[in-house]
Amino acid sequence: MTITIEIPPDIEEALREQWQDLPRAALEAVALEGYKQGALTLGQVGALLGMESRWDVRQYLADRGVGIVLSDADLDDDLRGLTKLEPRTK
């Protein structure tokens, strides 16, 4: 899906000065706000931002001051990942 938003040229210029990659910054803003409001899971944030590791997503959110709230779907994903781990040998 492609979403287009209209931004007045002067505001676009100000935003580009702050965030060189304005489309990426807008995508990250959607991901962060979607997660904060409970519309997106950790996995969905990762998919939206192209992150393969859930730990990378958690670090990304933590770096931006966003607390981690695990949904049932997040916990299920974590459990599936843990069951795939090989036991360590001594």
Protein backbone atom coordinates (compact mmCIF):
# COMPACT_ATOMS: atom_id res chain seq x y z
CA MET A 1 0.00 0.00 0.00
CA THR A 2 1.21 3.45 -0.80
CA ILE A 3 0.07 6.43 1.25
CA THR A 4 0.53 9.96 0.01
CA ILE A 5 0.35 13.00 2.25
CA GLU A 6 0.42 16.61 1.21
CA ILE A 7 2.83 18.83 3.14
CA PRO A 8 3.25 22.53 2.41
CA PRO A 9 6.67 23.20 0.82
CA ASP A 10 7.99 25.29 3.72
CA ILE A 11 7.11 22.58 6.25
CA GLU A 12 8.59 19.89 4.01
CA GLU A 13 11.83 21.88 3.82
CA ALA A 14 11.96 22.25 7.61
CA LEU A 15 11.35 18.53 8.09
CA ARG A 16 13.96 17.54 5.50
CA GLU A 17 16.52 19.72 7.29
CA GLN A 18 15.83 17.75 10.47
CA TRP A 19 15.29 14.30 8.92
CA GLN A 20 17.25 13.83 5.69
CA ASP A 21 15.07 10.84 4.72
CA LEU A 22 11.57 12.23 5.19
CA PRO A 23 9.71 9.13 3.88
CA ARG A 24 11.63 6.89 6.32
CA ALA A 25 11.00 9.30 9.21
CA ALA A 26 7.27 9.30 8.41
CA LEU A 27 7.24 5.50 8.30
CA GLU A 28 9.02 5.31 11.65
CA ALA A 29 6.55 7.79 13.14
CA VAL A 30 3.65 5.61 12.01
CA ALA A 31 5.33 2.51 13.44
CA LEU A 32 6.08 4.17 16.79
CA GLU A 33 2.63 5.68 17.19
CA GLY A 34 0.96 2.47 16.04
CA TYR A 35 2.87 0.53 18.68
CA LYS A 36 2.22 3.09 21.43
CA GLN A 37 -1.52 2.98 20.73
CA GLY A 38 -1.60 -0.81 20.64
CA ALA A 39 -2.49 -1.02 16.96
CA LEU A 40 0.80 -2.79 16.10
CA THR A 41 2.69 -5.63 17.75
CA LEU A 42 6.47 -5.80 18.05
CA GLY A 43 6.50 -8.16 15.10
CA GLN A 44 4.45 -5.78 12.98
CA VAL A 45 6.74 -2.86 13.86
CA GLY A 46 9.70 -4.98 12.82
CA ALA A 47 8.06 -5.96 9.55
CA LEU A 48 7.11 -2.36 8.80
CA LEU A 49 10.64 -1.12 9.45
CA GLY A 50 12.44 -4.07 7.84
CA MET A 51 13.93 -5.43 11.06
CA GLU A 52 14.42 -9.18 11.23
CA SER A 53 15.23 -9.51 14.93
CA ARG A 54 12.62 -8.84 17.61
CA TRP A 55 15.52 -7.80 19.84
CA ASP A 56 16.42 -5.10 17.30
CA VAL A 57 12.82 -3.86 17.43
CA ARG A 58 12.87 -3.82 21.23
CA GLN A 59 16.15 -1.88 21.22
CA TYR A 60 14.80 0.52 18.59
CA LEU A 61 11.75 1.26 20.75
CA ALA A 62 13.80 1.56 23.93
CA ASP A 63 16.19 4.00 22.23
CA ARG A 64 13.18 6.19 21.51
CA GLY A 65 11.81 6.01 25.04
CA VAL A 66 8.94 3.72 24.15
CA GLY A 67 8.15 1.16 26.84
CA ILE A 68 7.69 -2.43 25.78
CA VAL A 69 4.23 -3.85 26.35
CA LEU A 70 3.97 -7.43 25.24
CA SER A 71 0.69 -8.49 23.69
CA ASP A 72 -0.51 -12.08 23.61
CA ALA A 73 0.71 -12.25 20.00
CA ASP A 74 4.17 -11.03 21.05
CA LEU A 75 4.36 -13.62 23.82
CA ASP A 76 3.27 -16.37 21.43
CA ASP A 77 5.96 -15.30 18.96
CA ASP A 78 8.58 -15.32 21.73
CA LEU A 79 7.51 -18.78 22.86
CA ARG A 80 7.70 -20.13 19.31
CA GLY A 81 11.20 -18.68 18.99
CA LEU A 82 12.33 -20.18 22.28
CA THR A 83 11.09 -23.64 21.35
CA LYS A 84 13.28 -23.52 18.22
CA LEU A 85 16.47 -22.99 20.24
CA GLU A 86 18.91 -25.86 20.51
CA PRO A 87 19.79 -26.92 24.06
CA ARG A 88 23.31 -25.96 25.08
CA THR A 89 25.74 -28.76 25.75
CA LYS A 90 28.40 -28.59 28.43
